PDB file of N, CA and C in Angstrom:
ATOM      1  N   MET A   1       0.979  -1.109   0.006  1.00  0.00           N
ATOM      2  CA  MET A   1      -0.300   0.080  -0.218  1.00  0.00           C
ATOM      3  C   MET A   1       0.674   1.358   0.022  1.00  0.00           C
ATOM      4  N   THR A   2       0.535   2.491  -0.659  1.00  0.00           N
ATOM      5  CA  THR A   2       1.005   3.474  -1.033  1.00  0.00           C
ATOM      6  C   THR A   2       1.365   4.323   0.583  1.00  0.00           C
ATOM      7  N   ASP A   3       2.180   4.895   0.618  1.00  0.00           N
ATOM      8  CA  ASP A   3       2.325   6.009   1.692  1.00  0.00           C
ATOM      9  C   ASP A   3       0.974   7.198   1.612  1.00  0.00           C
ATOM     10  N   ARG A   4       0.758   7.365   0.547  1.00  0.00           N
ATOM     11  CA  ARG A   4      -0.551   8.168   0.162  1.00  0.00           C
ATOM     12  C   ARG A   4      -1.717   8.126   0.292  1.00  0.00           C
ATOM     13  N   ALA A   5      -1.863   7.166   0.247  1.00  0.00           N
ATOM     14  CA  ALA A   5      -3.113   6.360   0.773  1.00  0.00           C
ATOM     15  C   ALA A   5      -3.424   7.058   2.587  1.00  0.00           C
ATOM     16  N   LYS A   6      -2.211   6.209   3.395  1.00  0.00           N
ATOM     17  CA  LYS A   6      -2.228   6.667   4.491  1.00  0.00           C
ATOM     18  C   LYS A   6      -2.053   8.178   4.809  1.00  0.00           C
ATOM     19  N   ALA A   7      -1.554   8.475   4.462  1.00  0.00           N
ATOM     20  CA  ALA A   7      -1.682   9.992   4.560  1.00  0.00           C
ATOM     21  C   ALA A   7      -2.615  10.940   4.135  1.00  0.00           C
ATOM     22  N   ALA A   8      -3.307  10.662   3.048  1.00  0.00           N
ATOM     23  CA  ALA A   8      -4.859  10.867   2.830  1.00  0.00           C
ATOM     24  C   ALA A   8      -6.159  10.330   3.518  1.00  0.00           C
ATOM     25  N   TYR A   9      -5.860   8.831   4.430  1.00  0.00           N
ATOM     26  CA  TYR A   9      -6.669   8.935   5.179  1.00  0.00           C
ATOM     27  C   TYR A   9      -6.110   9.422   7.006  1.00  0.00           C
ATOM     28  N   ALA A  10      -5.493   9.781   6.812  1.00  0.00           N
ATOM     29  CA  ALA A  10      -4.631  10.594   7.973  1.00  0.00           C
ATOM     30  C   ALA A  10      -5.642  12.037   8.272  1.00  0.00           C
ATOM     31  N   ALA A  11      -4.882  12.306   6.827  1.00  0.00           N
ATOM     32  CA  ALA A  11      -5.731  14.055   6.877  1.00  0.00           C
ATOM     33  C   ALA A  11      -7.501  13.862   6.958  1.00  0.00           C
ATOM     34  N   TYR A  12      -7.528  13.238   6.392  1.00  0.00           N
ATOM     35  CA  TYR A  12      -9.588  12.926   6.570  1.00  0.00           C
ATOM     36  C   TYR A  12      -9.708  12.520   7.766  1.00  0.00           C
ATOM     37  N   GLY A  13      -9.103  11.589   9.201  1.00  0.00           N
ATOM     38  CA  GLY A  13      -9.091  11.517  10.447  1.00  0.00           C
ATOM     39  C   GLY A  13      -9.429  12.587  11.046  1.00  0.00           C
ATOM     40  N   GLU A  14      -8.049  13.272  10.932  1.00  0.00           N
ATOM     41  CA  GLU A  14      -7.761  14.540  11.126  1.00  0.00           C
ATOM     42  C   GLU A  14      -9.044  15.805  11.271  1.00  0.00           C
ATOM     43  N   SER A  15      -9.032  16.141   9.813  1.00  0.00           N
ATOM     44  CA  SER A  15     -10.445  16.586   9.064  1.00  0.00           C
ATOM     45  C   SER A  15     -12.001  16.452  10.286  1.00  0.00           C
ATOM     46  N   VAL A  16     -12.188  15.653  10.291  1.00  0.00           N
ATOM     47  CA  VAL A  16     -13.491  15.068  11.190  1.00  0.00           C
ATOM     48  C   VAL A  16     -13.025  14.330  12.244  1.00  0.00           C
ATOM     49  N   HIS A  17     -12.042  14.354  13.248  1.00  0.00           N
ATOM     50  CA  HIS A  17     -11.677  14.680  14.443  1.00  0.00           C
ATOM     51  C   HIS A  17     -11.756  12.844  14.926  1.00  0.00           C
ATOM     52  N   TRP A  18     -11.659  12.428  13.681  1.00  0.00           N
ATOM     53  CA  TRP A  18     -11.668  10.861  13.877  1.00  0.00           C
ATOM     54  C   TRP A  18     -12.626   9.935  14.246  1.00  0.00           C
ATOM     55  N   LYS A  19     -13.477  10.733  13.689  1.00  0.00           N
ATOM     56  CA  LYS A  19     -14.584  10.152  13.891  1.00  0.00           C
ATOM     57  C   LYS A  19     -15.243   9.713  12.113  1.00  0.00           C
ATOM     58  N   ASN A  20     -16.392   8.711  12.516  1.00  0.00           N
ATOM     59  CA  ASN A  20     -16.704   8.100  11.108  1.00  0.00           C
ATOM     60  C   ASN A  20     -17.732   8.979  10.545  1.00  0.00           C
ATOM     61  N   PHE A  21     -18.773   8.554   9.630  1.00  0.00           N
ATOM     62  CA  PHE A  21     -20.312   9.226   9.724  1.00  0.00           C
ATOM     63  C   PHE A  21     -21.192   8.324  11.030  1.00  0.00           C
ATOM     64  N   ARG A  22     -21.040   8.013  10.989  1.00  0.00           N
ATOM     65  CA  ARG A  22     -21.861   7.499  12.443  1.00  0.00           C
ATOM     66  C   ARG A  22     -21.225   8.298  13.818  1.00  0.00           C
ATOM     67  N   GLY A  23     -20.144   8.885  13.967  1.00  0.00           N
ATOM     68  CA  GLY A  23     -20.000   9.666  15.153  1.00  0.00           C
ATOM     69  C   GLY A  23     -19.122   8.654  15.694  1.00  0.00           C
ATOM     70  N   GLU A  24     -18.478   7.246  15.562  1.00  0.00           N
ATOM     71  CA  GLU A  24     -17.550   5.716  16.401  1.00  0.00           C
ATOM     72  C   GLU A  24     -16.288   7.100  15.261  1.00  0.00           C
ATOM     73  N   PRO A  25     -15.476   5.998  16.866  1.00  0.00           N
ATOM     74  CA  PRO A  25     -14.149   6.272  15.987  1.00  0.00           C
ATOM     75  C   PRO A  25     -14.071   5.322  15.361  1.00  0.00           C
ATOM     76  N   MET A  26     -12.651   6.323  14.162  1.00  0.00           N
ATOM     77  CA  MET A  26     -12.152   5.910  13.335  1.00  0.00           C
ATOM     78  C   MET A  26     -11.347   4.579  13.455  1.00  0.00           C
ATOM     79  N   PRO A  27     -11.059   3.542  12.763  1.00  0.00           N
ATOM     80  CA  PRO A  27     -10.216   2.624  12.897  1.00  0.00           C
ATOM     81  C   PRO A  27      -8.300   2.762  12.511  1.00  0.00           C
ATOM     82  N   GLN A  28      -7.339   2.871  13.120  1.00  0.00           N
ATOM     83  CA  GLN A  28      -6.110   2.938  12.280  1.00  0.00           C
ATOM     84  C   GLN A  28      -5.832   2.616  10.528  1.00  0.00           C
ATOM     85  N   PHE A  29      -5.425   2.804   9.612  1.00  0.00           N
ATOM     86  CA  PHE A  29      -5.384   2.573   8.763  1.00  0.00           C
ATOM     87  C   PHE A  29      -4.882   1.303   8.434  1.00  0.00           C
ATOM     88  N   SER A  30      -4.098   0.687   9.751  1.00  0.00           N
ATOM     89  CA  SER A  30      -3.698  -0.307   9.539  1.00  0.00           C
ATOM     90  C   SER A  30      -4.743  -1.900   9.778  1.00  0.00           C
ATOM     91  N   GLU A  31      -6.023  -1.846  10.323  1.00  0.00           N
ATOM     92  CA  GLU A  31      -7.150  -2.260  10.545  1.00  0.00           C
ATOM     93  C   GLU A  31      -8.153  -2.252   9.848  1.00  0.00           C
ATOM     94  N   LEU A  32      -7.704  -0.993   8.792  1.00  0.00           N
ATOM     95  CA  LEU A  32      -9.135  -1.516   7.744  1.00  0.00           C
ATOM     96  C   LEU A  32      -9.084  -2.791   6.675  1.00  0.00           C
ATOM     97  N   PRO A  33      -9.611  -3.186   6.008  1.00  0.00           N
ATOM     98  CA  PRO A  33      -9.942  -4.191   5.532  1.00  0.00           C
ATOM     99  C   PRO A  33      -9.103  -3.690   4.124  1.00  0.00           C
ATOM    100  N   GLU A  34      -8.131  -5.063   3.915  1.00  0.00           N
ATOM    101  CA  GLU A  34      -6.815  -4.695   2.486  1.00  0.00           C
ATOM    102  C   GLU A  34      -7.918  -4.302   1.340  1.00  0.00           C
ATOM    103  N   ALA A  35      -9.294  -4.424   1.429  1.00  0.00           N
ATOM    104  CA  ALA A  35      -9.563  -3.655   0.364  1.00  0.00           C
ATOM    105  C   ALA A  35     -10.529  -2.146   0.048  1.00  0.00           C
ATOM    106  N   ILE A  36     -10.692  -1.625   1.709  1.00  0.00           N
ATOM    107  CA  ILE A  36     -10.977   0.053   1.832  1.00  0.00           C
ATOM    108  C   ILE A  36      -9.273   0.147   1.856  1.00  0.00           C
ATOM    109  N   GLN A  37      -8.009  -0.099   2.395  1.00  0.00           N
ATOM    110  CA  GLN A  37      -7.060   0.568   2.288  1.00  0.00           C
ATOM    111  C   GLN A  37      -6.794   0.556   0.253  1.00  0.00           C
ATOM    112  N   CYS A  38      -6.802  -0.068  -0.311  1.00  0.00           N
ATOM    113  CA  CYS A  38      -6.939  -0.333  -1.956  1.00  0.00           C
ATOM    114  C   CYS A  38      -7.986   0.830  -2.500  1.00  0.00           C
ATOM    115  N   ALA A  39      -9.022   0.685  -1.849  1.00  0.00           N
ATOM    116  CA  ALA A  39      -9.494   1.809  -1.878  1.00  0.00           C
ATOM    117  C   ALA A  39      -9.521   3.402  -1.873  1.00  0.00           C
ATOM    118  N   TRP A  40      -8.537   3.736  -0.676  1.00  0.00           N
ATOM    119  CA  TRP A  40      -7.889   4.631  -0.011  1.00  0.00           C
ATOM    120  C   TRP A  40      -7.189   4.947  -1.402  1.00  0.00           C
ATOM    121  N   ASP A  41      -6.057   3.876  -1.747  1.00  0.00           N
ATOM    122  CA  ASP A  41      -4.827   4.428  -2.991  1.00  0.00           C
ATOM    123  C   ASP A  41      -5.719   4.420  -4.060  1.00  0.00           C
ATOM    124  N   SER A  42      -6.869   3.935  -4.808  1.00  0.00           N
ATOM    125  CA  SER A  42      -6.857   4.609  -6.119  1.00  0.00           C
ATOM    126  C   SER A  42      -8.236   5.670  -5.734  1.00  0.00           C
ATOM    127  N   ALA A  43      -8.625   6.292  -4.705  1.00  0.00           N
ATOM    128  CA  ALA A  43      -8.958   8.081  -4.698  1.00  0.00           C
ATOM    129  C   ALA A  43      -7.751   8.210  -4.978  1.00  0.00           C
ATOM    130  N   CYS A  44      -7.427   8.457  -3.995  1.00  0.00           N
ATOM    131  CA  CYS A  44      -5.920   9.554  -4.236  1.00  0.00           C
ATOM    132  C   CYS A  44      -4.719   9.274  -5.879  1.00  0.00           C
ATOM    133  N   GLU A  45      -4.816   8.146  -5.987  1.00  0.00           N
ATOM    134  CA  GLU A  45      -4.510   8.237  -7.831  1.00  0.00           C
ATOM    135  C   GLU A  45      -5.984   8.497  -8.220  1.00  0.00           C
ATOM    136  N   GLY A  46      -6.643   8.435  -8.173  1.00  0.00           N
ATOM    137  CA  GLY A  46      -8.322   9.643  -9.155  1.00  0.00           C
ATOM    138  C   GLY A  46      -7.524  10.873  -8.935  1.00  0.00           C
ATOM    139  N   ALA A  47      -7.327  11.201  -7.580  1.00  0.00           N
ATOM    140  CA  ALA A  47      -7.187  12.734  -6.931  1.00  0.00           C
ATOM    141  C   ALA A  47      -5.931  13.552  -8.283  1.00  0.00           C
ATOM    142  N   LEU A  48      -4.895  12.607  -7.577  1.00  0.00           N
ATOM    143  CA  LEU A  48      -3.705  13.281  -8.294  1.00  0.00           C
ATOM    144  C   LEU A  48      -3.969  13.091  -9.928  1.00  0.00           C
ATOM    145  N   GLN A  49      -4.695  12.518 -10.772  1.00  0.00           N
ATOM    146  CA  GLN A  49      -4.645  12.567 -12.020  1.00  0.00           C
ATOM    147  C   GLN A  49      -5.355  13.376 -12.218  1.00  0.00           C
ATOM    148  N   HIS A  50      -6.098  13.989 -11.669  1.00  0.00           N
ATOM    149  CA  HIS A  50      -7.032  14.965 -12.348  1.00  0.00           C
ATOM    150  C   HIS A  50      -6.754  16.805 -11.709  1.00  0.00           C
ATOM    151  N   TRP A  51      -5.713  16.733 -10.487  1.00  0.00           N
ATOM    152  CA  TRP A  51      -4.987  17.644 -10.309  1.00  0.00           C
ATOM    153  C   TRP A  51      -3.784  17.635 -11.680  1.00  0.00           C
ATOM    154  N   LEU A  52      -2.622  16.416 -11.978  1.00  0.00           N
ATOM    155  CA  LEU A  52      -2.022  16.594 -12.915  1.00  0.00           C
ATOM    156  C   LEU A  52      -2.964  17.419 -14.496  1.00  0.00           C
ATOM    157  N   GLU A  53      -4.383  16.687 -14.628  1.00  0.00           N
ATOM    158  CA  GLU A  53      -5.077  16.751 -16.084  1.00  0.00           C
ATOM    159  C   GLU A  53      -5.227  17.946 -16.325  1.00  0.00           C
ATOM    160  N   ASN A  54      -5.621  19.188 -14.791  1.00  0.00           N
ATOM    161  CA  ASN A  54      -6.496  20.096 -15.057  1.00  0.00           C
ATOM    162  C   ASN A  54      -5.285  21.485 -14.301  1.00  0.00           C
ATOM    163  N   GLU A  55      -5.446  21.493 -12.889  1.00  0.00           N
ATOM    164  CA  GLU A  55      -4.614  22.854 -12.632  1.00  0.00           C
ATOM    165  C   GLU A  55      -3.522  22.727 -12.750  1.00  0.00           C
ATOM    166  N   PHE A  56      -2.659  21.625 -12.589  1.00  0.00           N
ATOM    167  CA  PHE A  56      -1.050  21.346 -13.066  1.00  0.00           C
ATOM    168  C   PHE A  56      -1.065  21.779 -14.472  1.00  0.00           C
ATOM    169  N   ARG A  57      -1.614  21.296 -15.340  1.00  0.00           N
ATOM    170  CA  ARG A  57      -1.612  21.664 -16.736  1.00  0.00           C
ATOM    171  C   ARG A  57      -1.677  23.099 -16.522  1.00  0.00           C
ATOM    172  N   ASP A  58      -2.918  23.403 -15.816  1.00  0.00           N
ATOM    173  CA  ASP A  58      -2.948  24.867 -16.478  1.00  0.00           C
ATOM    174  C   ASP A  58      -2.108  25.854 -15.608  1.00  0.00           C
ATOM    175  N   ALA A  59      -1.540  25.432 -14.680  1.00  0.00           N
ATOM    176  CA  ALA A  59      -0.424  26.102 -14.354  1.00  0.00           C
ATOM    177  C   ALA A  59       1.089  25.987 -15.055  1.00  0.00           C
ATOM    178  N   CYS A  60       1.553  25.320 -15.817  1.00  0.00           N
ATOM    179  CA  CYS A  60       2.305  25.551 -16.131  1.00  0.00           C
ATOM    180  C   CYS A  60       2.311  26.126 -17.396  1.00  0.00           C
ATOM    181  N   ASN A  61       0.802  26.082 -17.939  1.00  0.00           N
ATOM    182  CA  ASN A  61       0.618  26.790 -19.301  1.00  0.00           C
ATOM    183  C   ASN A  61       0.466  28.355 -18.170  1.00  0.00           C
ATOM    184  N   ASP A  62       0.854  28.735 -17.384  1.00  0.00           N
ATOM    185  CA  ASP A  62       0.764  30.354 -17.059  1.00  0.00           C
ATOM    186  C   ASP A  62       1.912  30.383 -16.416  1.00  0.00           C
ATOM    187  N   HIS A  63       2.465  31.267 -18.240  1.00  0.00           N
ATOM    188  CA  HIS A  63       4.045  31.300 -18.522  1.00  0.00           C
ATOM    189  C   HIS A  63       4.578  32.312 -16.803  1.00  0.00           C
ATOM    190  N   GLU A  64       3.565  33.333 -16.429  1.00  0.00           N
ATOM    191  CA  GLU A  64       3.922  34.579 -15.942  1.00  0.00           C
ATOM    192  C   GLU A  64       3.437  34.102 -14.617  1.00  0.00           C
ATOM    193  N   LYS A  65       3.096  32.621 -14.236  1.00  0.00           N
ATOM    194  CA  LYS A  65       2.918  32.318 -12.675  1.00  0.00           C
ATOM    195  C   LYS A  65       4.016  31.632 -12.361  1.00  0.00           C
ATOM    196  N   VAL A  66       4.925  30.386 -14.004  1.00  0.00           N
ATOM    197  CA  VAL A  66       6.185  29.664 -13.482  1.00  0.00           C
ATOM    198  C   VAL A  66       7.273  31.053 -13.195  1.00  0.00           C
ATOM    199  N   TRP A  67       7.842  31.956 -13.764  1.00  0.00           N
ATOM    200  CA  TRP A  67       8.273  32.973 -13.542  1.00  0.00           C
ATOM    201  C   TRP A  67       8.446  33.442 -12.732  1.00  0.00           C
ATOM    202  N   ARG A  68       7.042  33.925 -12.093  1.00  0.00           N
ATOM    203  CA  ARG A  68       6.845  34.183 -10.828  1.00  0.00           C
ATOM    204  C   ARG A  68       7.812  33.688  -9.726  1.00  0.00           C
ATOM    205  N   HIS A  69       6.728  32.454  -9.385  1.00  0.00           N
ATOM    206  CA  HIS A  69       7.206  31.992  -9.190  1.00  0.00           C
ATOM    207  C   HIS A  69       9.115  31.384  -9.208  1.00  0.00           C
ATOM    208  N   ALA A  70       9.480  30.573  -9.972  1.00  0.00           N
ATOM    209  CA  ALA A  70      11.063  30.862 -10.103  1.00  0.00           C
ATOM    210  C   ALA A  70      11.888  31.509  -9.473  1.00  0.00           C
ATOM    211  N   ALA A  71      11.250  32.924  -9.021  1.00  0.00           N
ATOM    212  CA  ALA A  71      12.014  34.469  -9.028  1.00  0.00           C
ATOM    213  C   ALA A  71      12.344  34.071  -7.677  1.00  0.00           C
ATOM    214  N   VAL A  72      11.587  33.616  -7.119  1.00  0.00           N
ATOM    215  CA  VAL A  72      11.471  33.186  -5.196  1.00  0.00           C
ATOM    216  C   VAL A  72      12.583  32.356  -5.233  1.00  0.00           C
ATOM    217  N   PHE A  73      12.863  32.021  -5.547  1.00  0.00           N
ATOM    218  CA  PHE A  73      13.399  30.429  -5.019  1.00  0.00           C
ATOM    219  C   PHE A  73      15.116  30.418  -5.451  1.00  0.00           C
ATOM    220  N   ASN A  74      15.876  30.372  -4.878  1.00  0.00           N
ATOM    221  CA  ASN A  74      17.552  30.344  -4.834  1.00  0.00           C
ATOM    222  C   ASN A  74      18.277  29.070  -5.407  1.00  0.00           C
ATOM    223  N   VAL A  75      17.520  28.834  -6.717  1.00  0.00           N
ATOM    224  CA  VAL A  75      18.226  27.490  -7.396  1.00  0.00           C
ATOM    225  C   VAL A  75      19.142  27.788  -8.888  1.00  0.00           C
ATOM    226  N   GLY A  76      19.792  27.197  -8.727  1.00  0.00           N
ATOM    227  CA  GLY A  76      20.399  27.215 -10.608  1.00  0.00           C
ATOM    228  C   GLY A  76      22.061  27.302 -10.072  1.00  0.00           C
ATOM    229  N   LEU A  77      22.962  27.757 -10.949  1.00  0.00           N
ATOM    230  CA  LEU A  77      24.143  27.370 -11.078  1.00  0.00           C
ATOM    231  C   LEU A  77      24.753  28.472 -10.664  1.00  0.00           C
ATOM    232  N   ALA A  78      24.493  29.556 -10.069  1.00  0.00           N
ATOM    233  CA  ALA A  78      24.795  30.356  -8.968  1.00  0.00           C
ATOM    234  C   ALA A  78      24.361  29.800  -7.639  1.00  0.00           C
ATOM    235  N   SER A  79      24.015  29.280  -6.985  1.00  0.00           N
ATOM    236  CA  SER A  79      23.853  28.743  -5.811  1.00  0.00           C
ATOM    237  C   SER A  79      24.529  27.735  -5.812  1.00  0.00           C
ATOM    238  N   GLY A  80      25.735  26.758  -6.333  1.00  0.00           N
ATOM    239  CA  GLY A  80      26.264  26.343  -6.598  1.00  0.00           C
ATOM    240  C   GLY A  80      25.911  24.367  -6.720  1.00  0.00           C
ATOM    241  N   ASP A  81      23.998  24.171  -7.679  1.00  0.00           N
ATOM    242  CA  ASP A  81      23.906  23.499  -7.937  1.00  0.00           C
ATOM    243  C   ASP A  81      24.231  22.798  -9.452  1.00  0.00           C
ATOM    244  N   THR A  82      24.057  21.547  -9.670  1.00  0.00           N
ATOM    245  CA  THR A  82      24.332  21.001 -10.795  1.00  0.00           C
ATOM    246  C   THR A  82      23.399  21.167 -11.341  1.00  0.00           C
ATOM    247  N   PRO A  83      23.057  21.253 -12.940  1.00  0.00           N
ATOM    248  CA  PRO A  83      22.164  21.282 -13.933  1.00  0.00           C
ATOM    249  C   PRO A  83      20.820  20.238 -13.145  1.00  0.00           C
ATOM    250  N   VAL A  84      21.455  19.583 -12.708  1.00  0.00           N
ATOM    251  CA  VAL A  84      19.887  18.469 -12.588  1.00  0.00           C
ATOM    252  C   VAL A  84      19.258  18.728 -11.490  1.00  0.00           C
ATOM    253  N   ALA A  85      19.873  18.793 -10.268  1.00  0.00           N
ATOM    254  CA  ALA A  85      19.766  19.189  -8.806  1.00  0.00           C
ATOM    255  C   ALA A  85      19.108  20.950  -9.123  1.00  0.00           C
ATOM    256  N   SER A  86      19.522  22.019 -10.162  1.00  0.00           N
ATOM    257  CA  SER A  86      18.464  22.840 -10.666  1.00  0.00           C
ATOM    258  C   SER A  86      17.274  22.940 -11.273  1.00  0.00           C
ATOM    259  N   LEU A  87      17.268  21.867 -11.534  1.00  0.00           N
ATOM    260  CA  LEU A  87      15.806  21.609 -12.025  1.00  0.00           C
ATOM    261  C   LEU A  87      15.197  20.645 -10.906  1.00  0.00           C
ATOM    262  N   SER A  88      15.640  19.465 -10.473  1.00  0.00           N
ATOM    263  CA  SER A  88      14.920  19.038  -9.677  1.00  0.00           C
ATOM    264  C   SER A  88      14.125  20.139  -8.599  1.00  0.00           C
ATOM    265  N   LYS A  89      15.056  20.941  -7.995  1.00  0.00           N
ATOM    266  CA  LYS A  89      14.435  22.093  -6.956  1.00  0.00           C
ATOM    267  C   LYS A  89      13.608  22.675  -7.057  1.00  0.00           C
ATOM    268  N   ALA A  90      13.345  23.365  -8.881  1.00  0.00           N
ATOM    269  CA  ALA A  90      12.826  24.146  -9.420  1.00  0.00           C
ATOM    270  C   ALA A  90      11.021  23.848  -9.366  1.00  0.00           C
ATOM    271  N   ILE A  91      11.743  22.207  -9.909  1.00  0.00           N
ATOM    272  CA  ILE A  91       9.799  20.877 -10.143  1.00  0.00           C
ATOM    273  C   ILE A  91       9.416  21.402  -9.240  1.00  0.00           C
ATOM    274  N   ALA A  92      10.189  20.401  -8.292  1.00  0.00           N
ATOM    275  CA  ALA A  92       9.968  20.375  -6.598  1.00  0.00           C
ATOM    276  C   ALA A  92       9.044  21.230  -6.317  1.00  0.00           C
ATOM    277  N   SER A  93       9.735  22.412  -6.116  1.00  0.00           N
ATOM    278  CA  SER A  93       9.115  23.822  -5.505  1.00  0.00           C
ATOM    279  C   SER A  93       7.950  24.647  -6.056  1.00  0.00           C
ATOM    280  N   PHE A  94       8.080  24.384  -7.371  1.00  0.00           N
ATOM    281  CA  PHE A  94       6.950  24.887  -8.630  1.00  0.00           C
ATOM    282  C   PHE A  94       5.317  23.879  -7.720  1.00  0.00           C
ATOM    283  N   VAL A  95       5.805  22.600  -8.046  1.00  0.00           N
ATOM    284  CA  VAL A  95       4.432  21.863  -7.603  1.00  0.00           C
ATOM    285  C   VAL A  95       4.589  21.846  -5.662  1.00  0.00           C
ATOM    286  N   VAL A  96       5.193  22.285  -5.036  1.00  0.00           N
ATOM    287  CA  VAL A  96       4.546  22.615  -3.468  1.00  0.00           C
ATOM    288  C   VAL A  96       4.033  23.995  -3.611  1.00  0.00           C
ATOM    289  N   ALA A  97       4.622  24.105  -4.342  1.00  0.00           N
ATOM    290  CA  ALA A  97       3.039  25.889  -4.848  1.00  0.00           C
ATOM    291  C   ALA A  97       2.457  25.612  -4.846  1.00  0.00           C
ATOM    292  N   LEU A  98       1.786  24.685  -5.632  1.00  0.00           N
ATOM    293  CA  LEU A  98       0.471  24.826  -6.313  1.00  0.00           C
ATOM    294  C   LEU A  98      -0.291  23.763  -5.701  1.00  0.00           C
ATOM    295  N   ILE A  99      -0.120  22.531  -4.849  1.00  0.00           N
ATOM    296  CA  ILE A  99      -0.547  21.806  -4.110  1.00  0.00           C
ATOM    297  C   ILE A  99      -0.432  22.236  -2.152  1.00  0.00           C
ATOM    298  N   ALA A 100      -0.024  23.268  -1.858  1.00  0.00           N
ATOM    299  CA  ALA A 100       0.310  23.501  -0.663  1.00  0.00           C
ATOM    300  C   ALA A 100       1.037  24.941  -0.233  1.00  0.00           C
ATOM    301  N   PRO A 101       0.700  25.594  -0.776  1.00  0.00           N
ATOM    302  CA  PRO A 101       1.297  27.550  -0.761  1.00  0.00           C
ATOM    303  C   PRO A 101       2.541  27.636   0.750  1.00  0.00           C
ATOM    304  N   ALA A 102       1.234  27.078   1.743  1.00  0.00           N
ATOM    305  CA  ALA A 102       1.917  27.865   3.033  1.00  0.00           C
ATOM    306  C   ALA A 102       2.985  26.695   3.302  1.00  0.00           C
ATOM    307  N   VAL A 103       3.142  25.580   3.059  1.00  0.00           N
ATOM    308  CA  VAL A 103       4.657  24.702   3.592  1.00  0.00           C
ATOM    309  C   VAL A 103       5.915  25.986   3.109  1.00  0.00           C
ATOM    310  N   LEU A 104       6.085  26.728   1.979  1.00  0.00           N
ATOM    311  CA  LEU A 104       6.638  27.415   1.540  1.00  0.00           C
ATOM    312  C   LEU A 104       6.700  28.109   3.073  1.00  0.00           C
ATOM    313  N   LYS A 105       5.813  29.572   3.206  1.00  0.00           N
ATOM    314  CA  LYS A 105       5.440  30.475   3.726  1.00  0.00           C
ATOM    315  C   LYS A 105       6.534  29.767   5.356  1.00  0.00           C
ATOM    316  N   SER A 106       6.763  29.038   5.830  1.00  0.00           N
ATOM    317  CA  SER A 106       7.363  27.882   7.058  1.00  0.00           C
ATOM    318  C   SER A 106       8.751  28.395   7.157  1.00  0.00           C
TER     319      SER A 106
END
């Protein structure tokens, strides 16, 4: 099972104060039947696919946003990074900015 399914289940649990729809305590992810764990993984895959095909694609096509975001980060050969490290950092920071911009403010 992927860590993303566990993370999604944990985020859901936090948002509902670890209570199910009946108001009963939610089980730990590891206590869920395998079919339900797989369903959480499938839900994550579907959400990620939707994001990639929509919000991410739209953001990548917004060249002003790409350049505005890139200017904020100290990546590149000037910072001592290799070209591969520069590209990796730039992609990672852009994706994080699209998914959870608050992470970048901490």
